[in-house]
Every structure is written in structure tokens, then in C-alpha cells.
Amino acid sequence: MKQNIDCTVRHITSAEGNIFTDLGFDADEAQRLKQEAEHDVEQLLAIKRQLMQEISGWISENQLKQADAASRLQISRPRVSDVVNLKTSKFTLDSLVMMLMKLGKPVSVLVG
């Protein structure tokens, strides 16, 4: 039996808006939640940038062309370019960690 799934977009929150307000939270709580979410995203992006800088540094230290780095990392040359240019939205943390492991640079996590 084929199931119909409703995929209709009923509301879009503008970039300047606050999704938590749109979800019905009171103004103070919505603002707090938005600030918390923005802080979490910034922390994630900082970690990604740090990992990407490690990969880029390794490429520079070894004076590799992007094609050679791509072969070593088992990714495409455009993906190496994305790493070097810090295009954080194109990578997950685990993909960056795996790349570093392939370079013999294991990643450890410190919480605190």
C-alpha cells in the first residue's frame, strides 16, 4: 500500500525572525532559546574550522597539490578545495575527523 506523506510547506521563518517565537514560545523564552542555538552553532563551526585548518596545514607542510591530497584523503579534488577554503557547511564533524585519521593525525575530544 502506498502511503501519501504531506510535504506541504505551511510557514517559513525569515532569516531575521525567531523560529522559537513562531513555534509559540513567549518572547523572553524564544530569545533565550535563539541565543542558545546560535551559540551552539558557533561552537560547532569553530570546531569544524579548527579541524579544517589542521588538514590544510598538513597539505601545506607536505607541499602537496590538491589532487595529491585528495588521493591521500580518498576524496575528490573539489572537496579538498572546500576544506582549504573552510566551507564548513559542506562537512560533518565525523567526515573531518576521518580525514585527519587518514593523515595519521588522530583526534581526541576534551570536554570541559
N, C-alpha and C. Protein backbone atom coordinates (compact mmCIF):
# COMPACT_ATOMS: atom_id res chain seq x y z
N MET A 1 0.84 -1.17 0.00
CA MET A 1 0.00 0.00 0.00
C MET A 1 0.89 1.24 0.00
N LYS A 2 0.61 2.16 -0.91
CA LYS A 2 1.38 3.40 -1.00
C LYS A 2 0.83 4.41 0.00
N GLN A 3 1.74 5.00 0.76
CA GLN A 3 1.36 5.98 1.77
C GLN A 3 1.62 7.39 1.25
N ASN A 4 0.67 8.27 1.37
CA ASN A 4 0.86 9.66 0.98
C ASN A 4 1.38 10.44 2.18
N ILE A 5 2.48 11.13 1.96
CA ILE A 5 3.07 11.94 3.02
C ILE A 5 2.88 13.40 2.67
N ASP A 6 2.34 14.16 3.61
CA ASP A 6 2.09 15.58 3.40
C ASP A 6 3.41 16.34 3.55
N CYS A 7 3.89 16.91 2.47
CA CYS A 7 5.14 17.66 2.48
C CYS A 7 4.91 19.14 2.20
N THR A 8 3.70 19.60 2.41
CA THR A 8 3.35 20.98 2.13
C THR A 8 4.03 21.92 3.13
N VAL A 9 4.68 22.95 2.61
CA VAL A 9 5.29 23.96 3.45
C VAL A 9 4.20 24.95 3.84
N ARG A 10 3.98 25.09 5.13
CA ARG A 10 2.91 25.96 5.60
C ARG A 10 3.42 27.28 6.17
N HIS A 11 4.69 27.30 6.55
CA HIS A 11 5.24 28.51 7.14
C HIS A 11 6.75 28.51 6.95
N ILE A 12 7.31 29.66 6.68
CA ILE A 12 8.76 29.83 6.59
C ILE A 12 9.14 30.99 7.49
N THR A 13 10.08 30.74 8.39
CA THR A 13 10.57 31.80 9.27
C THR A 13 11.66 32.55 8.52
N SER A 14 11.57 33.86 8.47
CA SER A 14 12.57 34.66 7.77
C SER A 14 13.92 34.55 8.48
N ALA A 15 14.97 34.88 7.77
CA ALA A 15 16.31 34.81 8.35
C ALA A 15 16.46 35.72 9.57
N GLU A 16 15.75 36.83 9.56
CA GLU A 16 15.83 37.76 10.70
C GLU A 16 14.88 37.34 11.83
N GLY A 17 13.99 36.42 11.54
CA GLY A 17 12.97 36.01 12.50
C GLY A 17 13.51 35.09 13.58
N ASN A 18 12.59 34.65 14.41
CA ASN A 18 12.94 33.75 15.50
C ASN A 18 11.98 32.56 15.43
N ILE A 19 12.51 31.42 15.07
CA ILE A 19 11.67 30.23 14.91
C ILE A 19 10.98 29.85 16.22
N PHE A 20 11.62 30.17 17.34
CA PHE A 20 11.03 29.82 18.63
C PHE A 20 9.79 30.66 18.91
N THR A 21 9.80 31.91 18.46
CA THR A 21 8.60 32.73 18.56
C THR A 21 7.51 32.14 17.69
N ASP A 22 7.89 31.76 16.46
CA ASP A 22 6.94 31.17 15.52
C ASP A 22 6.36 29.86 16.05
N LEU A 23 7.12 29.17 16.89
CA LEU A 23 6.64 27.91 17.47
C LEU A 23 5.75 28.14 18.70
N GLY A 24 5.63 29.40 19.12
CA GLY A 24 4.71 29.70 20.20
C GLY A 24 5.33 29.97 21.56
N PHE A 25 6.65 30.02 21.65
CA PHE A 25 7.28 30.35 22.93
C PHE A 25 7.08 31.83 23.21
N ASP A 26 6.99 32.18 24.51
CA ASP A 26 6.85 33.60 24.83
C ASP A 26 8.15 34.32 24.43
N ALA A 27 8.09 35.64 24.30
CA ALA A 27 9.19 36.43 23.73
C ALA A 27 10.51 36.22 24.46
N ASP A 28 10.49 36.24 25.80
CA ASP A 28 11.73 36.08 26.56
C ASP A 28 12.34 34.70 26.36
N GLU A 29 11.51 33.66 26.45
CA GLU A 29 11.99 32.29 26.27
C GLU A 29 12.47 32.08 24.83
N ALA A 30 11.76 32.63 23.87
CA ALA A 30 12.15 32.50 22.46
C ALA A 30 13.51 33.14 22.22
N GLN A 31 13.73 34.29 22.80
CA GLN A 31 15.01 34.98 22.63
C GLN A 31 16.14 34.18 23.28
N ARG A 32 15.89 33.64 24.47
CA ARG A 32 16.90 32.83 25.16
C ARG A 32 17.24 31.59 24.33
N LEU A 33 16.22 30.92 23.82
CA LEU A 33 16.44 29.71 23.02
C LEU A 33 17.19 30.03 21.73
N LYS A 34 16.86 31.16 21.11
CA LYS A 34 17.55 31.55 19.88
C LYS A 34 19.02 31.83 20.16
N GLN A 35 19.32 32.55 21.22
CA GLN A 35 20.71 32.85 21.57
C GLN A 35 21.48 31.57 21.88
N GLU A 36 20.84 30.65 22.58
CA GLU A 36 21.47 29.37 22.92
C GLU A 36 21.78 28.58 21.64
N ALA A 37 20.83 28.55 20.72
CA ALA A 37 21.03 27.82 19.46
C ALA A 37 22.15 28.46 18.63
N GLU A 38 22.18 29.78 18.58
CA GLU A 38 23.24 30.47 17.84
C GLU A 38 24.60 30.20 18.45
N HIS A 39 24.67 30.16 19.76
CA HIS A 39 25.93 29.85 20.45
C HIS A 39 26.38 28.42 20.12
N ASP A 40 25.44 27.48 20.15
CA ASP A 40 25.77 26.09 19.83
C ASP A 40 26.29 25.96 18.40
N VAL A 41 25.65 26.65 17.47
CA VAL A 41 26.08 26.60 16.07
C VAL A 41 27.48 27.19 15.93
N GLU A 42 27.74 28.30 16.60
CA GLU A 42 29.06 28.93 16.51
C GLU A 42 30.15 28.02 17.07
N GLN A 43 29.84 27.31 18.15
CA GLN A 43 30.82 26.36 18.70
C GLN A 43 31.11 25.24 17.71
N LEU A 44 30.08 24.72 17.08
CA LEU A 44 30.25 23.66 16.08
C LEU A 44 31.10 24.15 14.91
N LEU A 45 30.81 25.36 14.43
CA LEU A 45 31.58 25.91 13.32
C LEU A 45 33.04 26.13 13.70
N ALA A 46 33.30 26.55 14.93
CA ALA A 46 34.67 26.75 15.39
C ALA A 46 35.44 25.43 15.41
N ILE A 47 34.79 24.37 15.83
CA ILE A 47 35.44 23.04 15.84
C ILE A 47 35.73 22.61 14.41
N LYS A 48 34.76 22.77 13.52
CA LYS A 48 34.98 22.40 12.11
C LYS A 48 36.14 23.19 11.51
N ARG A 49 36.17 24.50 11.77
CA ARG A 49 37.26 25.33 11.24
C ARG A 49 38.61 24.86 11.75
N GLN A 50 38.67 24.49 13.02
CA GLN A 50 39.93 24.02 13.60
C GLN A 50 40.40 22.73 12.91
N LEU A 51 39.48 21.81 12.70
CA LEU A 51 39.83 20.56 12.04
C LEU A 51 40.26 20.81 10.59
N MET A 52 39.55 21.70 9.91
CA MET A 52 39.89 22.03 8.52
C MET A 52 41.26 22.71 8.43
N GLN A 53 41.57 23.54 9.39
CA GLN A 53 42.87 24.20 9.41
C GLN A 53 43.99 23.18 9.63
N GLU A 54 43.72 22.16 10.43
CA GLU A 54 44.71 21.09 10.62
C GLU A 54 44.98 20.36 9.31
N ILE A 55 43.91 20.07 8.58
CA ILE A 55 44.07 19.38 7.29
C ILE A 55 44.80 20.28 6.30
N SER A 56 44.41 21.54 6.23
CA SER A 56 45.06 22.49 5.33
C SER A 56 46.54 22.67 5.68
N GLY A 57 46.82 22.72 6.97
CA GLY A 57 48.20 22.84 7.43
C GLY A 57 49.03 21.65 7.01
N TRP A 58 48.45 20.46 7.11
CA TRP A 58 49.16 19.24 6.71
C TRP A 58 49.46 19.28 5.20
N ILE A 59 48.49 19.74 4.43
CA ILE A 59 48.68 19.84 2.97
C ILE A 59 49.83 20.81 2.67
N SER A 60 49.84 21.95 3.35
CA SER A 60 50.90 22.94 3.14
C SER A 60 52.26 22.42 3.58
N GLU A 61 52.30 21.83 4.76
CA GLU A 61 53.57 21.30 5.29
C GLU A 61 54.18 20.27 4.35
N ASN A 62 53.35 19.47 3.73
CA ASN A 62 53.82 18.43 2.83
C ASN A 62 53.90 18.89 1.38
N GLN A 63 53.65 20.17 1.17
CA GLN A 63 53.74 20.80 -0.14
C GLN A 63 53.02 19.98 -1.22
N LEU A 64 51.79 19.59 -0.90
CA LEU A 64 51.01 18.77 -1.82
C LEU A 64 50.10 19.61 -2.68
N LYS A 65 49.88 19.15 -3.88
CA LYS A 65 48.84 19.73 -4.72
C LYS A 65 47.52 19.15 -4.24
N GLN A 66 46.44 19.86 -4.52
CA GLN A 66 45.13 19.40 -4.05
C GLN A 66 44.80 18.00 -4.58
N ALA A 67 45.20 17.70 -5.79
CA ALA A 67 44.93 16.38 -6.36
C ALA A 67 45.65 15.28 -5.57
N ASP A 68 46.88 15.56 -5.14
CA ASP A 68 47.63 14.58 -4.35
C ASP A 68 47.00 14.41 -2.96
N ALA A 69 46.57 15.52 -2.37
CA ALA A 69 45.91 15.46 -1.07
C ALA A 69 44.60 14.69 -1.19
N ALA A 70 43.89 14.91 -2.27
CA ALA A 70 42.62 14.22 -2.49
C ALA A 70 42.83 12.72 -2.54
N SER A 71 43.87 12.30 -3.22
CA SER A 71 44.18 10.87 -3.31
C SER A 71 44.47 10.29 -1.93
N ARG A 72 45.25 11.00 -1.15
CA ARG A 72 45.60 10.54 0.20
C ARG A 72 44.37 10.49 1.12
N LEU A 73 43.49 11.47 0.96
CA LEU A 73 42.29 11.56 1.80
C LEU A 73 41.13 10.71 1.27
N GLN A 74 41.29 10.20 0.06
CA GLN A 74 40.26 9.41 -0.61
C GLN A 74 38.97 10.22 -0.80
N ILE A 75 39.17 11.46 -1.25
CA ILE A 75 38.06 12.35 -1.58
C ILE A 75 38.38 13.01 -2.92
N SER A 76 37.44 13.75 -3.46
CA SER A 76 37.68 14.43 -4.74
C SER A 76 38.51 15.70 -4.52
N ARG A 77 39.13 16.17 -5.59
CA ARG A 77 39.92 17.39 -5.51
C ARG A 77 39.04 18.60 -5.13
N PRO A 78 37.82 18.73 -5.66
CA PRO A 78 36.97 19.85 -5.22
C PRO A 78 36.66 19.81 -3.72
N ARG A 79 36.58 18.60 -3.15
CA ARG A 79 36.34 18.50 -1.70
C ARG A 79 37.56 19.03 -0.93
N VAL A 80 38.75 18.78 -1.44
CA VAL A 80 39.96 19.33 -0.80
C VAL A 80 39.89 20.86 -0.85
N SER A 81 39.49 21.40 -1.98
CA SER A 81 39.34 22.84 -2.11
C SER A 81 38.36 23.38 -1.07
N ASP A 82 37.26 22.66 -0.87
CA ASP A 82 36.27 23.08 0.13
C ASP A 82 36.87 23.09 1.54
N VAL A 83 37.73 22.12 1.83
CA VAL A 83 38.39 22.08 3.14
C VAL A 83 39.32 23.27 3.28
N VAL A 84 40.17 23.47 2.28
CA VAL A 84 41.16 24.55 2.32
C VAL A 84 40.48 25.92 2.43
N ASN A 85 39.33 26.05 1.81
CA ASN A 85 38.59 27.32 1.84
C ASN A 85 37.59 27.41 3.00
N LEU A 86 37.70 26.48 3.92
CA LEU A 86 36.91 26.48 5.16
C LEU A 86 35.40 26.55 4.91
N LYS A 87 34.93 25.78 3.96
CA LYS A 87 33.50 25.73 3.67
C LYS A 87 32.85 24.73 4.65
N THR A 88 32.65 25.20 5.86
CA THR A 88 32.20 24.35 6.96
C THR A 88 30.85 23.67 6.71
N SER A 89 29.99 24.32 5.96
CA SER A 89 28.65 23.76 5.75
C SER A 89 28.68 22.49 4.90
N LYS A 90 29.78 22.24 4.24
CA LYS A 90 29.87 21.08 3.35
C LYS A 90 30.38 19.82 4.03
N PHE A 91 30.71 19.91 5.33
CA PHE A 91 31.30 18.77 6.02
C PHE A 91 30.66 18.54 7.38
N THR A 92 30.61 17.27 7.75
CA THR A 92 30.21 16.91 9.10
C THR A 92 31.48 16.77 9.94
N LEU A 93 31.32 16.82 11.24
CA LEU A 93 32.47 16.62 12.11
C LEU A 93 33.12 15.27 11.87
N ASP A 94 32.30 14.23 11.74
CA ASP A 94 32.89 12.90 11.58
C ASP A 94 33.66 12.77 10.28
N SER A 95 33.23 13.44 9.20
CA SER A 95 33.99 13.35 7.95
C SER A 95 35.36 14.02 8.11
N LEU A 96 35.41 15.13 8.83
CA LEU A 96 36.68 15.81 9.06
C LEU A 96 37.59 15.00 9.97
N VAL A 97 37.02 14.38 10.98
CA VAL A 97 37.81 13.52 11.87
C VAL A 97 38.38 12.34 11.09
N MET A 98 37.58 11.75 10.22
CA MET A 98 38.06 10.62 9.41
C MET A 98 39.20 11.05 8.49
N MET A 99 39.11 12.24 7.91
CA MET A 99 40.19 12.73 7.06
C MET A 99 41.48 12.86 7.85
N LEU A 100 41.38 13.41 9.04
CA LEU A 100 42.58 13.56 9.88
C LEU A 100 43.16 12.20 10.27
N MET A 101 42.30 11.25 10.53
CA MET A 101 42.79 9.91 10.87
C MET A 101 43.55 9.30 9.69
N LYS A 102 43.07 9.54 8.46
CA LYS A 102 43.76 9.04 7.27
C LYS A 102 45.14 9.67 7.11
N LEU A 103 45.31 10.85 7.70
CA LEU A 103 46.60 11.53 7.64
C LEU A 103 47.50 11.15 8.80
N GLY A 104 47.03 10.23 9.65
CA GLY A 104 47.81 9.84 10.82
C GLY A 104 47.75 10.86 11.95
N LYS A 105 46.70 11.65 11.95
CA LYS A 105 46.51 12.68 12.99
C LYS A 105 45.21 12.36 13.74
N PRO A 106 45.29 11.43 14.69
CA PRO A 106 44.08 11.10 15.42
C PRO A 106 43.55 12.32 16.21
N VAL A 107 42.25 12.37 16.34
CA VAL A 107 41.60 13.49 17.03
C VAL A 107 41.12 13.00 18.39
N SER A 108 41.38 13.78 19.41
CA SER A 108 40.84 13.46 20.73
C SER A 108 39.94 14.60 21.15
N VAL A 109 38.98 14.29 22.00
CA VAL A 109 37.98 15.26 22.42
C VAL A 109 38.19 15.55 23.89
N LEU A 110 38.19 16.82 24.22
CA LEU A 110 38.29 17.27 25.61
C LEU A 110 37.00 18.01 25.93
N VAL A 111 36.28 17.54 26.91
CA VAL A 111 35.04 18.19 27.31
C VAL A 111 35.30 18.98 28.59
N GLY A 112 34.81 20.21 28.60
CA GLY A 112 35.02 20.96 29.80
C GLY A 112 34.93 22.38 29.68
